[in-house]
């Protein structure tokens, strides 16, 4: 990947999704490169970690709020959207991954924005879930908008691979789906992904492309993640296998009762999301297989570095709504 120039052209950036971990890292990276950053956040959102940015508050699902409280009729060079639904459930995906993104795109077009950097996801290569279809629809709308675009499809985040660290520290076994070798990924840190997003803002050769991106090093399986963590703790590796068939049975039951209960319907979708990540690699899909060698890498932080920070108490792994495995 092309390296950043030492003296970038200063751009005025409208950043959406700035209060998420990737958004905060991106805001800091943009500011460090000398860009003027305007962050559009929820009215009650905390703005810690966004020092140096112009914080504007409003509702990203309301077109009028985006236009009057966000863009304010001002000039911006680039829209960077790190928006993502919190759960991936159908209603959440429709509201944020689809509708809010299209509201932003429409406002950016009217404001004369020349370039949009959209944070998508590598899993849209094989769409089966509501949030994946929503993201793909937005990608298509952006490509057809006439605005220069850079669509970034990252692999797994460190946070999503850290949900079992605490349970292993408490002496419990690592939960594996199948034998733990069904999938692999090239995990990427918040900081390295943010640096790549900034590069997409600055490097015009990266425009009008869909760019998969992973972190440094070879692809790693869940079993290898676990073995690495146990070794770091000085403990023998212990595993408990979860059958994919059992997950299918749970999904079927939740789907059946979900016809009567919206809450159970959402739980069924969360279970489908869990099954997807348990059986699909976060690597470039070549039509018949996942290809680690074809998945680009960037940055320097490794998952081992992140686990070390977790074990030292310097980072957190709270997944919130995405904590699909028991603690």
C-alpha atoms as a PDB file:
ATOM      1  CA  UNK A   1       0.000   0.000   0.000  1.00  0.00           C
ATOM      2  CA  UNK A   2       1.114   3.542  -0.792  1.00  0.00           C
ATOM      3  CA  UNK A   3       2.718   5.360   2.124  1.00  0.00           C
ATOM      4  CA  UNK A   4       1.380   8.709   3.338  1.00  0.00           C
ATOM      5  CA  UNK A   5       3.125  11.835   2.117  1.00  0.00           C
ATOM      6  CA  UNK A   6       5.133  13.763   4.696  1.00  0.00           C
ATOM      7  CA  UNK A   7       3.273  17.006   3.950  1.00  0.00           C
ATOM      8  CA  UNK A   8      -0.387  16.276   3.137  1.00  0.00           C
ATOM      9  CA  UNK A   9      -2.704  18.840   1.601  1.00  0.00           C
ATOM     10  CA  UNK A  10      -4.855  20.081   4.475  1.00  0.00           C
ATOM     11  CA  UNK A  11      -8.452  18.999   4.003  1.00  0.00           C
ATOM     12  CA  UNK A  12     -11.701  19.812   5.765  1.00  0.00           C
ATOM     13  CA  UNK A  13     -13.235  16.519   6.887  1.00  0.00           C
ATOM     14  CA  UNK A  14     -16.799  15.724   7.973  1.00  0.00           C
ATOM     15  CA  UNK A  15     -16.515  12.613  10.176  1.00  0.00           C
ATOM     16  CA  UNK A  16     -19.547  10.500  11.092  1.00  0.00           C
ATOM     17  CA  UNK A  17     -19.381   7.672  13.619  1.00  0.00           C
ATOM     18  CA  UNK A  18     -16.688   9.484  15.561  1.00  0.00           C
ATOM     19  CA  UNK A  19     -17.614   8.148  19.022  1.00  0.00           C
ATOM     20  CA  UNK A  20     -16.924   4.502  18.141  1.00  0.00           C
ATOM     21  CA  UNK A  21     -13.461   3.087  18.721  1.00  0.00           C
ATOM     22  CA  UNK A  22     -12.529   3.266  15.027  1.00  0.00           C
ATOM     23  CA  UNK A  23     -14.066   6.723  14.693  1.00  0.00           C
ATOM     24  CA  UNK A  24     -12.104   8.115  17.629  1.00  0.00           C
ATOM     25  CA  UNK A  25      -8.864   6.649  16.323  1.00  0.00           C
ATOM     26  CA  UNK A  26      -9.603   8.124  12.889  1.00  0.00           C
ATOM     27  CA  UNK A  27     -10.367  11.568  14.327  1.00  0.00           C
ATOM     28  CA  UNK A  28      -7.059  11.552  16.202  1.00  0.00           C
ATOM     29  CA  UNK A  29      -5.137  10.368  13.145  1.00  0.00           C
ATOM     30  CA  UNK A  30      -6.710  13.010  10.889  1.00  0.00           C
ATOM     31  CA  UNK A  31      -5.965  15.757  13.417  1.00  0.00           C
ATOM     32  CA  UNK A  32      -2.366  14.534  13.777  1.00  0.00           C
ATOM     33  CA  UNK A  33      -1.930  14.876  10.013  1.00  0.00           C
ATOM     34  CA  UNK A  34      -3.080  18.493  10.157  1.00  0.00           C
ATOM     35  CA  UNK A  35      -6.588  18.106   8.743  1.00  0.00           C
ATOM     36  CA  UNK A  36      -9.560  20.117  10.003  1.00  0.00           C
ATOM     37  CA  UNK A  37     -12.023  17.624  11.471  1.00  0.00           C
ATOM     38  CA  UNK A  38     -15.717  18.190  12.166  1.00  0.00           C
ATOM     39  CA  UNK A  39     -17.313  15.320  14.123  1.00  0.00           C
ATOM     40  CA  UNK A  40     -21.092  14.858  13.991  1.00  0.00           C
ATOM     41  CA  UNK A  41     -22.192  12.992  17.131  1.00  0.00           C
ATOM     42  CA  UNK A  42     -25.373  12.166  19.030  1.00  0.00           C
ATOM     43  CA  UNK A  43     -26.706  14.905  21.360  1.00  0.00           C
ATOM     44  CA  UNK A  44     -25.817  12.960  24.514  1.00  0.00           C
ATOM     45  CA  UNK A  45     -22.614  11.346  23.227  1.00  0.00           C
ATOM     46  CA  UNK A  46     -19.394  11.799  25.185  1.00  0.00           C
ATOM     47  CA  UNK A  47     -16.654  13.554  23.222  1.00  0.00           C
ATOM     48  CA  UNK A  48     -13.626  12.198  25.097  1.00  0.00           C
ATOM     49  CA  UNK A  49     -10.864  11.309  22.684  1.00  0.00           C
ATOM     50  CA  UNK A  50     -11.992  13.847  20.100  1.00  0.00           C
ATOM     51  CA  UNK A  51      -9.787  16.716  21.250  1.00  0.00           C
ATOM     52  CA  UNK A  52      -8.838  19.031  18.414  1.00  0.00           C
ATOM     53  CA  UNK A  53     -12.058  18.377  16.485  1.00  0.00           C
ATOM     54  CA  UNK A  54     -15.101  20.614  16.045  1.00  0.00           C
ATOM     55  CA  UNK A  55     -17.916  18.692  17.779  1.00  0.00           C
ATOM     56  CA  UNK A  56     -21.390  19.152  16.336  1.00  0.00           C
ATOM     57  CA  UNK A  57     -24.402  17.390  17.787  1.00  0.00           C
ATOM     58  CA  UNK A  58     -27.480  16.083  16.052  1.00  0.00           C
ATOM     59  CA  UNK A  59     -29.362  13.042  14.799  1.00  0.00           C
ATOM     60  CA  UNK A  60     -27.747  11.146  11.935  1.00  0.00           C
ATOM     61  CA  UNK A  61     -31.104   9.509  11.132  1.00  0.00           C
ATOM     62  CA  UNK A  62     -32.757  12.915  10.574  1.00  0.00           C
ATOM     63  CA  UNK A  63     -31.956  14.557   7.209  1.00  0.00           C
ATOM     64  CA  UNK A  64     -32.746  18.044   8.483  1.00  0.00           C
ATOM     65  CA  UNK A  65     -30.504  17.593  11.535  1.00  0.00           C
ATOM     66  CA  UNK A  66     -27.626  16.349   9.386  1.00  0.00           C
ATOM     67  CA  UNK A  67     -27.951  19.331   7.090  1.00  0.00           C
ATOM     68  CA  UNK A  68     -28.614  22.139   9.580  1.00  0.00           C
ATOM     69  CA  UNK A  69     -26.687  20.950  12.663  1.00  0.00           C
ATOM     70  CA  UNK A  70     -23.999  19.028  10.786  1.00  0.00           C
ATOM     71  CA  UNK A  71     -22.994  20.436   7.405  1.00  0.00           C
ATOM     72  CA  UNK A  72     -24.514  23.914   8.104  1.00  0.00           C
ATOM     73  CA  UNK A  73     -24.167  24.904   4.466  1.00  0.00           C
ATOM     74  CA  UNK A  74     -20.375  24.900   4.777  1.00  0.00           C
ATOM     75  CA  UNK A  75     -17.697  23.523   2.459  1.00  0.00           C
ATOM     76  CA  UNK A  76     -16.084  20.149   3.133  1.00  0.00           C
ATOM     77  CA  UNK A  77     -13.537  18.312   1.026  1.00  0.00           C
ATOM     78  CA  UNK A  78     -14.222  14.809   2.285  1.00  0.00           C
ATOM     79  CA  UNK A  79     -16.900  12.832   4.114  1.00  0.00           C
ATOM     80  CA  UNK A  80     -15.467   9.986   6.197  1.00  0.00           C
ATOM     81  CA  UNK A  81     -18.151   7.660   7.526  1.00  0.00           C
ATOM     82  CA  UNK A  82     -17.307   5.178  10.276  1.00  0.00           C
ATOM     83  CA  UNK A  83     -20.987   4.649  11.084  1.00  0.00           C
ATOM     84  CA  UNK A  84     -22.049   1.111  11.996  1.00  0.00           C
ATOM     85  CA  UNK A  85     -25.073  -0.342  13.734  1.00  0.00           C
ATOM     86  CA  UNK A  86     -24.475  -1.458  17.305  1.00  0.00           C
ATOM     87  CA  UNK A  87     -26.109  -4.899  17.044  1.00  0.00           C
ATOM     88  CA  UNK A  88     -26.563  -5.762  13.374  1.00  0.00           C
ATOM     89  CA  UNK A  89     -30.216  -6.635  14.079  1.00  0.00           C
ATOM     90  CA  UNK A  90     -32.503  -5.884  11.094  1.00  0.00           C
ATOM     91  CA  UNK A  91     -34.097  -2.697  12.449  1.00  0.00           C
ATOM     92  CA  UNK A  92     -30.745  -1.351  13.659  1.00  0.00           C
ATOM     93  CA  UNK A  93     -29.064  -2.229  10.369  1.00  0.00           C
ATOM     94  CA  UNK A  94     -31.809  -0.546   8.357  1.00  0.00           C
ATOM     95  CA  UNK A  95     -31.681   2.619  10.457  1.00  0.00           C
ATOM     96  CA  UNK A  96     -27.895   3.057  10.641  1.00  0.00           C
ATOM     97  CA  UNK A  97     -26.079   0.868   8.109  1.00  0.00           C
ATOM     98  CA  UNK A  98     -28.523   1.860   5.375  1.00  0.00           C
ATOM     99  CA  UNK A  99     -30.803   4.845   5.999  1.00  0.00           C
ATOM    100  CA  UNK A 100     -28.384   7.041   7.965  1.00  0.00           C
ATOM    101  CA  UNK A 101     -25.575   6.379   5.497  1.00  0.00           C
ATOM    102  CA  UNK A 102     -27.799   7.412   2.579  1.00  0.00           C
ATOM    103  CA  UNK A 103     -28.855  10.552   4.467  1.00  0.00           C
ATOM    104  CA  UNK A 104     -25.165  11.435   4.910  1.00  0.00           C
ATOM    105  CA  UNK A 105     -24.405  10.719   1.261  1.00  0.00           C
ATOM    106  CA  UNK A 106     -27.285  12.897   0.082  1.00  0.00           C
ATOM    107  CA  UNK A 107     -26.233  15.763   2.362  1.00  0.00           C
ATOM    108  CA  UNK A 108     -22.616  15.423   1.197  1.00  0.00           C
ATOM    109  CA  UNK A 109     -23.706  15.565  -2.450  1.00  0.00           C
ATOM    110  CA  UNK A 110     -25.711  18.742  -1.855  1.00  0.00           C
ATOM    111  CA  UNK A 111     -22.770  20.257   0.037  1.00  0.00           C
ATOM    112  CA  UNK A 112     -20.450  19.656  -2.901  1.00  0.00           C
ATOM    113  CA  UNK A 113     -18.235  17.098  -1.141  1.00  0.00           C
ATOM    114  CA  UNK A 114     -15.775  15.741  -3.704  1.00  0.00           C
ATOM    115  CA  UNK A 115     -14.726  12.497  -2.003  1.00  0.00           C
ATOM    116  CA  UNK A 116     -16.318   9.969   0.358  1.00  0.00           C
ATOM    117  CA  UNK A 117     -14.373   7.420   2.407  1.00  0.00           C
ATOM    118  CA  UNK A 118     -16.787   4.719   3.554  1.00  0.00           C
ATOM    119  CA  UNK A 119     -15.899   2.166   6.217  1.00  0.00           C
ATOM    120  CA  UNK A 120     -17.651  -1.044   5.191  1.00  0.00           C
ATOM    121  CA  UNK A 121     -16.733  -4.662   6.091  1.00  0.00           C
ATOM    122  CA  UNK A 122     -15.021  -7.561   4.366  1.00  0.00           C
ATOM    123  CA  UNK A 123     -17.914  -9.893   5.216  1.00  0.00           C
ATOM    124  CA  UNK A 124     -20.128  -8.228   2.584  1.00  0.00           C
ATOM    125  CA  UNK A 125     -18.350 -10.442   0.034  1.00  0.00           C
ATOM    126  CA  UNK A 126     -20.757 -13.252   0.999  1.00  0.00           C
ATOM    127  CA  UNK A 127     -23.886 -11.440   2.220  1.00  0.00           C
ATOM    128  CA  UNK A 128     -26.367 -13.470   4.261  1.00  0.00           C
ATOM    129  CA  UNK A 129     -27.256 -11.073   7.076  1.00  0.00           C
ATOM    130  CA  UNK A 130     -29.356  -7.922   7.294  1.00  0.00           C
ATOM    131  CA  UNK A 131     -26.471  -5.584   8.067  1.00  0.00           C
ATOM    132  CA  UNK A 132     -24.393  -6.993   5.200  1.00  0.00           C
ATOM    133  CA  UNK A 133     -27.166  -6.366   2.671  1.00  0.00           C
ATOM    134  CA  UNK A 134     -27.591  -2.840   4.097  1.00  0.00           C
ATOM    135  CA  UNK A 135     -23.877  -2.092   3.716  1.00  0.00           C
ATOM    136  CA  UNK A 136     -23.817  -3.445   0.170  1.00  0.00           C
ATOM    137  CA  UNK A 137     -26.782  -1.270  -0.808  1.00  0.00           C
ATOM    138  CA  UNK A 138     -24.932   1.802   0.481  1.00  0.00           C
ATOM    139  CA  UNK A 139     -21.770   0.790  -1.377  1.00  0.00           C
ATOM    140  CA  UNK A 140     -23.782   0.581  -4.610  1.00  0.00           C
ATOM    141  CA  UNK A 141     -25.408   3.954  -3.969  1.00  0.00           C
ATOM    142  CA  UNK A 142     -22.016   5.559  -3.342  1.00  0.00           C
ATOM    143  CA  UNK A 143     -20.467   4.052  -6.485  1.00  0.00           C
ATOM    144  CA  UNK A 144     -23.398   5.342  -8.522  1.00  0.00           C
ATOM    145  CA  UNK A 145     -23.469   8.786  -6.914  1.00  0.00           C
ATOM    146  CA  UNK A 146     -20.900  10.403  -9.173  1.00  0.00           C
ATOM    147  CA  UNK A 147     -18.775  11.359  -6.149  1.00  0.00           C
ATOM    148  CA  UNK A 148     -15.230   9.995  -5.936  1.00  0.00           C
ATOM    149  CA  UNK A 149     -15.223   7.181  -3.392  1.00  0.00           C
ATOM    150  CA  UNK A 150     -12.955   4.894  -1.414  1.00  0.00           C
ATOM    151  CA  UNK A 151     -14.720   1.906   0.163  1.00  0.00           C
ATOM    152  CA  UNK A 152     -12.652   0.243   2.878  1.00  0.00           C
ATOM    153  CA  UNK A 153     -13.463  -3.344   3.860  1.00  0.00           C
ATOM    154  CA  UNK A 154     -11.472  -4.253   6.984  1.00  0.00           C
ATOM    155  CA  UNK A 155     -11.030  -7.747   8.357  1.00  0.00           C
ATOM    156  CA  UNK A 156     -11.584  -8.663  12.005  1.00  0.00           C
ATOM    157  CA  UNK A 157     -10.992  -6.026  14.701  1.00  0.00           C
ATOM    158  CA  UNK A 158      -8.913  -6.790  17.787  1.00  0.00           C
ATOM    159  CA  UNK A 159     -11.953  -6.057  19.952  1.00  0.00           C
ATOM    160  CA  UNK A 160     -14.009  -8.760  18.252  1.00  0.00           C
ATOM    161  CA  UNK A 161     -11.291 -11.342  18.975  1.00  0.00           C
ATOM    162  CA  UNK A 162     -10.916 -10.460  22.657  1.00  0.00           C
ATOM    163  CA  UNK A 163     -14.202 -11.652  24.136  1.00  0.00           C
ATOM    164  CA  UNK A 164     -12.726 -14.787  25.698  1.00  0.00           C
ATOM    165  CA  UNK A 165      -9.605 -13.306  27.272  1.00  0.00           C
ATOM    166  CA  UNK A 166     -11.264 -12.653  30.637  1.00  0.00           C
ATOM    167  CA  UNK A 167     -12.820 -16.138  30.854  1.00  0.00           C
ATOM    168  CA  UNK A 168      -9.449 -17.763  30.102  1.00  0.00           C
ATOM    169  CA  UNK A 169      -7.832 -15.597  32.794  1.00  0.00           C
ATOM    170  CA  UNK A 170     -10.443 -16.983  35.211  1.00  0.00           C
ATOM    171  CA  UNK A 171      -9.332 -20.525  34.426  1.00  0.00           C
ATOM    172  CA  UNK A 172     -12.084 -21.451  31.984  1.00  0.00           C
ATOM    173  CA  UNK A 173     -11.495 -23.203  28.650  1.00  0.00           C
ATOM    174  CA  UNK A 174     -11.567 -21.388  25.309  1.00  0.00           C
ATOM    175  CA  UNK A 175     -14.760 -22.096  23.387  1.00  0.00           C
ATOM    176  CA  UNK A 176     -14.156 -23.306  19.845  1.00  0.00           C
ATOM    177  CA  UNK A 177     -16.570 -23.848  17.008  1.00  0.00           C
ATOM    178  CA  UNK A 178     -15.726 -27.213  15.521  1.00  0.00           C
ATOM    179  CA  UNK A 179     -11.990 -27.811  15.837  1.00  0.00           C
ATOM    180  CA  UNK A 180     -11.118 -24.096  15.819  1.00  0.00           C
ATOM    181  CA  UNK A 181      -9.657 -24.256  12.329  1.00  0.00           C
ATOM    182  CA  UNK A 182     -12.815 -23.517  10.351  1.00  0.00           C
ATOM    183  CA  UNK A 183     -11.904 -19.878   9.849  1.00  0.00           C
ATOM    184  CA  UNK A 184      -8.990 -17.465   9.805  1.00  0.00           C
ATOM    185  CA  UNK A 185      -8.468 -13.707   9.662  1.00  0.00           C
ATOM    186  CA  UNK A 186      -5.820 -11.004   9.547  1.00  0.00           C
ATOM    187  CA  UNK A 187      -6.925  -8.882  12.511  1.00  0.00           C
ATOM    188  CA  UNK A 188      -6.296  -5.133  12.409  1.00  0.00           C
ATOM    189  CA  UNK A 189      -5.964  -2.626  15.245  1.00  0.00           C
ATOM    190  CA  UNK A 190      -8.010   0.564  15.575  1.00  0.00           C
ATOM    191  CA  UNK A 191      -4.892   2.690  15.134  1.00  0.00           C
ATOM    192  CA  UNK A 192      -3.657   0.856  12.040  1.00  0.00           C
ATOM    193  CA  UNK A 193      -7.103   0.963  10.425  1.00  0.00           C
ATOM    194  CA  UNK A 194      -7.403   4.678  11.252  1.00  0.00           C
ATOM    195  CA  UNK A 195      -4.022   5.324   9.632  1.00  0.00           C
ATOM    196  CA  UNK A 196      -5.207   3.479   6.531  1.00  0.00           C
ATOM    197  CA  UNK A 197      -8.422   5.535   6.414  1.00  0.00           C
ATOM    198  CA  UNK A 198      -6.343   8.713   6.593  1.00  0.00           C
ATOM    199  CA  UNK A 199      -4.205   7.405   3.749  1.00  0.00           C
ATOM    200  CA  UNK A 200      -7.396   6.907   1.735  1.00  0.00           C
ATOM    201  CA  UNK A 201      -8.289  10.564   2.381  1.00  0.00           C
ATOM    202  CA  UNK A 202      -4.901  11.802   1.209  1.00  0.00           C
ATOM    203  CA  UNK A 203      -3.866   9.427  -1.580  1.00  0.00           C
ATOM    204  CA  UNK A 204      -5.849  10.094  -4.748  1.00  0.00           C
ATOM    205  CA  UNK A 205      -4.580   6.848  -6.313  1.00  0.00           C
ATOM    206  CA  UNK A 206      -6.800   4.977  -3.835  1.00  0.00           C
ATOM    207  CA  UNK A 207      -9.999   6.607  -5.102  1.00  0.00           C
ATOM    208  CA  UNK A 208     -12.853   4.798  -6.847  1.00  0.00           C
ATOM    209  CA  UNK A 209     -11.852   1.455  -5.378  1.00  0.00           C
ATOM    210  CA  UNK A 210     -13.130  -1.133  -2.916  1.00  0.00           C
ATOM    211  CA  UNK A 211     -10.160  -1.929  -0.680  1.00  0.00           C
ATOM    212  CA  UNK A 212      -9.981  -4.995   1.594  1.00  0.00           C
ATOM    213  CA  UNK A 213      -7.439  -4.498   4.360  1.00  0.00           C
ATOM    214  CA  UNK A 214      -6.056  -6.526   7.247  1.00  0.00           C
ATOM    215  CA  UNK A 215      -3.382  -6.159   9.856  1.00  0.00           C
ATOM    216  CA  UNK A 216       0.249  -7.360   9.754  1.00  0.00           C
ATOM    217  CA  UNK A 217       1.403 -10.943   9.784  1.00  0.00           C
ATOM    218  CA  UNK A 218      -0.088 -14.220   8.588  1.00  0.00           C
ATOM    219  CA  UNK A 219      -3.739 -15.182   8.941  1.00  0.00           C
ATOM    220  CA  UNK A 220      -4.608 -16.708  12.320  1.00  0.00           C
ATOM    221  CA  UNK A 221      -7.287 -19.262  13.270  1.00  0.00           C
ATOM    222  CA  UNK A 222      -9.325 -19.198  16.511  1.00  0.00           C
ATOM    223  CA  UNK A 223      -7.336 -22.192  17.798  1.00  0.00           C
ATOM    224  CA  UNK A 224      -4.084 -20.330  17.149  1.00  0.00           C
ATOM    225  CA  UNK A 225      -5.464 -17.250  18.926  1.00  0.00           C
ATOM    226  CA  UNK A 226      -6.273 -19.394  21.950  1.00  0.00           C
ATOM    227  CA  UNK A 227      -2.921 -21.203  21.964  1.00  0.00           C
ATOM    228  CA  UNK A 228      -1.148 -17.849  21.831  1.00  0.00           C
ATOM    229  CA  UNK A 229      -3.144 -16.504  24.776  1.00  0.00           C
ATOM    230  CA  UNK A 230      -2.617 -19.613  26.939  1.00  0.00           C
ATOM    231  CA  UNK A 231       1.122 -19.452  26.210  1.00  0.00           C
ATOM    232  CA  UNK A 232       1.212 -15.789  27.233  1.00  0.00           C
ATOM    233  CA  UNK A 233      -0.495 -16.757  30.508  1.00  0.00           C
ATOM    234  CA  UNK A 234       1.873 -19.677  31.046  1.00  0.00           C
ATOM    235  CA  UNK A 235      -1.038 -22.136  31.118  1.00  0.00           C
ATOM    236  CA  UNK A 236      -1.705 -25.353  29.172  1.00  0.00           C
ATOM    237  CA  UNK A 237      -4.284 -24.798  26.427  1.00  0.00           C
ATOM    238  CA  UNK A 238      -7.803 -25.972  27.320  1.00  0.00           C
ATOM    239  CA  UNK A 239     -10.701 -26.069  24.873  1.00  0.00           C
ATOM    240  CA  UNK A 240     -14.393 -26.778  24.762  1.00  0.00           C
ATOM    241  CA  UNK A 241     -15.909 -27.421  21.352  1.00  0.00           C
ATOM    242  CA  UNK A 242     -19.293 -26.006  20.345  1.00  0.00           C
ATOM    243  CA  UNK A 243     -21.050 -27.783  17.498  1.00  0.00           C
ATOM    244  CA  UNK A 244     -22.201 -25.699  14.537  1.00  0.00           C
ATOM    245  CA  UNK A 245     -25.233 -28.011  14.411  1.00  0.00           C
ATOM    246  CA  UNK A 246     -26.126 -26.943  17.928  1.00  0.00           C
ATOM    247  CA  UNK A 247     -25.975 -23.319  16.802  1.00  0.00           C
ATOM    248  CA  UNK A 248     -28.265 -24.188  13.899  1.00  0.00           C
ATOM    249  CA  UNK A 249     -30.775 -25.734  16.316  1.00  0.00           C
ATOM    250  CA  UNK A 250     -30.702 -22.631  18.517  1.00  0.00           C
ATOM    251  CA  UNK A 251     -31.208 -20.389  15.486  1.00  0.00           C
ATOM    252  CA  UNK A 252     -34.128 -22.513  14.279  1.00  0.00           C
ATOM    253  CA  UNK A 253     -35.834 -22.351  17.693  1.00  0.00           C
ATOM    254  CA  UNK A 254     -35.319 -18.606  18.063  1.00  0.00           C
ATOM    255  CA  UNK A 255     -36.561 -18.030  14.512  1.00  0.00           C
ATOM    256  CA  UNK A 256     -39.704 -20.055  15.203  1.00  0.00           C
ATOM    257  CA  UNK A 257     -40.588 -18.198  18.405  1.00  0.00           C
ATOM    258  CA  UNK A 258     -39.398 -14.948  16.840  1.00  0.00           C
ATOM    259  CA  UNK A 259     -42.546 -14.946  14.747  1.00  0.00           C
ATOM    260  CA  UNK A 260     -44.353 -14.012  17.956  1.00  0.00           C
ATOM    261  CA  UNK A 261     -41.696 -11.896  19.682  1.00  0.00           C
ATOM    262  CA  UNK A 262     -39.584  -9.097  18.160  1.00  0.00           C
ATOM    263  CA  UNK A 263     -37.042  -9.593  20.964  1.00  0.00           C
ATOM    264  CA  UNK A 264     -36.563 -13.259  20.058  1.00  0.00           C
ATOM    265  CA  UNK A 265     -36.443 -12.346  16.379  1.00  0.00           C
ATOM    266  CA  UNK A 266     -33.503 -10.045  17.114  1.00  0.00           C
ATOM    267  CA  UNK A 267     -31.839 -12.773  19.184  1.00  0.00           C
ATOM    268  CA  UNK A 268     -32.185 -15.116  16.216  1.00  0.00           C
ATOM    269  CA  UNK A 269     -30.399 -12.596  14.003  1.00  0.00           C
ATOM    270  CA  UNK A 270     -27.626 -12.190  16.578  1.00  0.00           C
ATOM    271  CA  UNK A 271     -27.261 -15.979  16.649  1.00  0.00           C
ATOM    272  CA  UNK A 272     -27.061 -16.003  12.839  1.00  0.00           C
ATOM    273  CA  UNK A 273     -24.334 -13.352  13.054  1.00  0.00           C
ATOM    274  CA  UNK A 274     -22.438 -15.542  15.531  1.00  0.00           C
ATOM    275  CA  UNK A 275     -22.764 -18.560  13.255  1.00  0.00           C
ATOM    276  CA  UNK A 276     -21.550 -16.551  10.264  1.00  0.00           C
ATOM    277  CA  UNK A 277     -18.373 -15.489  12.025  1.00  0.00           C
ATOM    278  CA  UNK A 278     -17.904 -19.038  13.343  1.00  0.00           C
ATOM    279  CA  UNK A 279     -17.934 -20.509   9.839  1.00  0.00           C
ATOM    280  CA  UNK A 280     -16.684 -17.787   7.450  1.00  0.00           C
ATOM    281  CA  UNK A 281     -13.150 -16.409   7.304  1.00  0.00           C
ATOM    282  CA  UNK A 282     -12.526 -12.670   7.297  1.00  0.00           C
ATOM    283  CA  UNK A 283     -10.253 -12.810   4.265  1.00  0.00           C
ATOM    284  CA  UNK A 284     -10.583 -12.019   0.568  1.00  0.00           C
ATOM    285  CA  UNK A 285     -13.057 -14.398  -1.088  1.00  0.00           C
ATOM    286  CA  UNK A 286     -11.853 -15.677  -4.463  1.00  0.00           C
ATOM    287  CA  UNK A 287     -15.137 -17.212  -5.600  1.00  0.00           C
ATOM    288  CA  UNK A 288     -14.348 -20.732  -4.398  1.00  0.00           C
ATOM    289  CA  UNK A 289     -12.137 -20.157  -1.360  1.00  0.00           C
ATOM    290  CA  UNK A 290     -10.754 -17.575   1.071  1.00  0.00           C
ATOM    291  CA  UNK A 291      -7.258 -16.388   0.190  1.00  0.00           C
ATOM    292  CA  UNK A 292      -4.987 -15.074   2.946  1.00  0.00           C
ATOM    293  CA  UNK A 293      -2.262 -14.169   0.458  1.00  0.00           C
ATOM    294  CA  UNK A 294      -4.713 -12.007  -1.513  1.00  0.00           C
ATOM    295  CA  UNK A 295      -5.754 -10.126   1.650  1.00  0.00           C
ATOM    296  CA  UNK A 296      -3.625  -6.956   1.919  1.00  0.00           C
ATOM    297  CA  UNK A 297      -1.922  -6.079   5.191  1.00  0.00           C
ATOM    298  CA  UNK A 298      -1.048  -2.763   6.784  1.00  0.00           C
ATOM    299  CA  UNK A 299       0.312  -1.405  10.046  1.00  0.00           C
ATOM    300  CA  UNK A 300       2.485  -2.856  12.783  1.00  0.00           C
ATOM    301  CA  UNK A 301       0.240  -3.792  15.737  1.00  0.00           C
ATOM    302  CA  UNK A 302      -0.461  -7.498  16.169  1.00  0.00           C
ATOM    303  CA  UNK A 303      -3.158  -9.369  18.062  1.00  0.00           C
ATOM    304  CA  UNK A 304      -0.424 -10.565  20.429  1.00  0.00           C
ATOM    305  CA  UNK A 305       0.373  -6.911  21.215  1.00  0.00           C
ATOM    306  CA  UNK A 306      -3.301  -6.317  21.995  1.00  0.00           C
ATOM    307  CA  UNK A 307      -3.597  -9.396  24.210  1.00  0.00           C
ATOM    308  CA  UNK A 308      -0.506  -8.235  26.098  1.00  0.00           C
ATOM    309  CA  UNK A 309      -2.163  -4.873  26.779  1.00  0.00           C
ATOM    310  CA  UNK A 310      -5.328  -6.634  27.959  1.00  0.00           C
ATOM    311  CA  UNK A 311      -3.353  -8.805  30.348  1.00  0.00           C
ATOM    312  CA  UNK A 312      -1.578  -5.725  31.716  1.00  0.00           C
ATOM    313  CA  UNK A 313      -4.920  -3.961  32.204  1.00  0.00           C
ATOM    314  CA  UNK A 314      -4.088  -1.285  29.614  1.00  0.00           C
ATOM    315  CA  UNK A 315      -7.031  -2.093  27.299  1.00  0.00           C
ATOM    316  CA  UNK A 316     -10.592  -3.361  27.542  1.00  0.00           C
ATOM    317  CA  UNK A 317     -12.506  -6.022  25.621  1.00  0.00           C
ATOM    318  CA  UNK A 318     -16.118  -5.138  26.393  1.00  0.00           C
ATOM    319  CA  UNK A 319     -18.138  -6.185  23.351  1.00  0.00           C
ATOM    320  CA  UNK A 320     -21.500  -4.967  24.613  1.00  0.00           C
ATOM    321  CA  UNK A 321     -24.248  -6.209  22.300  1.00  0.00           C
ATOM    322  CA  UNK A 322     -21.734  -8.298  20.344  1.00  0.00           C
ATOM    323  CA  UNK A 323     -20.759 -10.505  23.290  1.00  0.00           C
ATOM    324  CA  UNK A 324     -22.199 -13.685  21.798  1.00  0.00           C
ATOM    325  CA  UNK A 325     -20.202 -16.133  23.927  1.00  0.00           C
ATOM    326  CA  UNK A 326     -20.746 -16.694  27.660  1.00  0.00           C
ATOM    327  CA  UNK A 327     -18.194 -15.048  29.974  1.00  0.00           C
END
